Amino acid sequence: MAEMNAIIYDSVRKDLAIAVSWLDECNRREWGVVKGIDRIENKIKLVRVDGVWWVPIEKMLQVERV
């Protein structure tokens, strides 16, 4: 979990793209830049040109640098 947090914060601070896998109704995988962290809802805002996803932190399976 600490490694995933480090990658997410690097994306926020340095505007780096990451790939995130999470459990929705099925396994989802998207890539983009983290543009926000909602600490109340425990979600990250993953953004790229063609979409925006609010990813629940507790449902994240994998986070990778792209």
Protein backbone atom coordinates (compact mmCIF):
# COMPACT_ATOMS: atom_id res chain seq x y z
CA MET A 1 0.00 0.00 0.00
CA ALA A 2 2.87 2.37 0.77
CA GLU A 3 4.27 1.86 -2.74
CA MET A 4 0.87 2.64 -4.29
CA ASN A 5 0.59 5.82 -2.21
CA ALA A 6 4.07 6.95 -3.29
CA ILE A 7 3.21 6.46 -6.97
CA ILE A 8 -0.09 8.36 -6.57
CA TYR A 9 1.57 11.31 -4.82
CA ASP A 10 4.30 11.41 -7.49
CA SER A 11 1.54 11.67 -10.11
CA VAL A 12 -0.06 14.57 -8.22
CA ARG A 13 3.18 16.49 -7.61
CA LYS A 14 5.01 15.83 -10.88
CA ASP A 15 2.06 15.46 -13.26
CA LEU A 16 3.12 11.90 -14.17
CA ALA A 17 0.84 9.37 -15.84
CA ILE A 18 -0.02 6.19 -13.93
CA ALA A 19 -2.09 3.09 -14.63
CA VAL A 20 -4.66 2.10 -12.02
CA SER A 21 -6.57 -1.17 -11.71
CA TRP A 22 -9.57 -1.35 -9.42
CA LEU A 23 -12.59 -3.48 -8.67
CA ASP A 24 -15.85 -2.01 -9.98
CA GLU A 25 -18.62 -4.30 -11.22
CA CYS A 26 -15.69 -5.97 -12.96
CA ASN A 27 -11.95 -5.30 -12.92
CA ARG A 28 -11.24 -1.89 -14.48
CA ARG A 29 -7.91 -0.53 -15.68
CA GLU A 30 -7.33 3.03 -16.86
CA TRP A 31 -4.37 5.36 -17.08
CA GLY A 32 -4.04 9.08 -16.57
CA VAL A 33 -2.76 11.73 -14.17
CA VAL A 34 -4.07 12.10 -10.62
CA LYS A 35 -5.57 15.59 -10.41
CA GLY A 36 -7.16 15.32 -6.98
CA ILE A 37 -7.57 13.25 -3.86
CA ASP A 38 -10.87 13.33 -1.99
CA ARG A 39 -9.95 12.38 1.57
CA ILE A 40 -13.57 12.44 2.74
CA GLU A 41 -14.82 9.99 0.08
CA ASN A 42 -11.43 8.15 -0.11
CA LYS A 43 -11.18 8.52 -3.90
CA ILE A 44 -8.60 9.72 -6.39
CA LYS A 45 -9.48 11.68 -9.52
CA LEU A 46 -7.75 10.10 -12.52
CA VAL A 47 -7.81 12.36 -15.59
CA ARG A 48 -6.79 12.11 -19.23
CA VAL A 49 -8.00 13.84 -22.40
CA ASP A 50 -10.82 11.37 -23.11
CA GLY A 51 -12.13 10.72 -19.60
CA VAL A 52 -12.24 11.26 -15.84
CA TRP A 53 -12.60 8.51 -13.26
CA TRP A 54 -13.12 8.73 -9.50
CA VAL A 55 -11.36 5.62 -8.21
CA PRO A 56 -12.17 4.38 -4.67
CA ILE A 57 -8.88 3.90 -2.82
CA GLU A 58 -10.10 0.84 -0.93
CA LYS A 59 -10.99 -0.91 -4.22
CA MET A 60 -7.63 -0.29 -5.93
CA LEU A 61 -5.85 -3.48 -6.95
CA GLN A 62 -2.71 -2.13 -8.60
CA VAL A 63 -0.99 1.18 -9.35
CA GLU A 64 1.89 1.43 -11.82
CA ARG A 65 4.00 4.16 -13.33
CA VAL A 66 3.47 4.50 -17.09
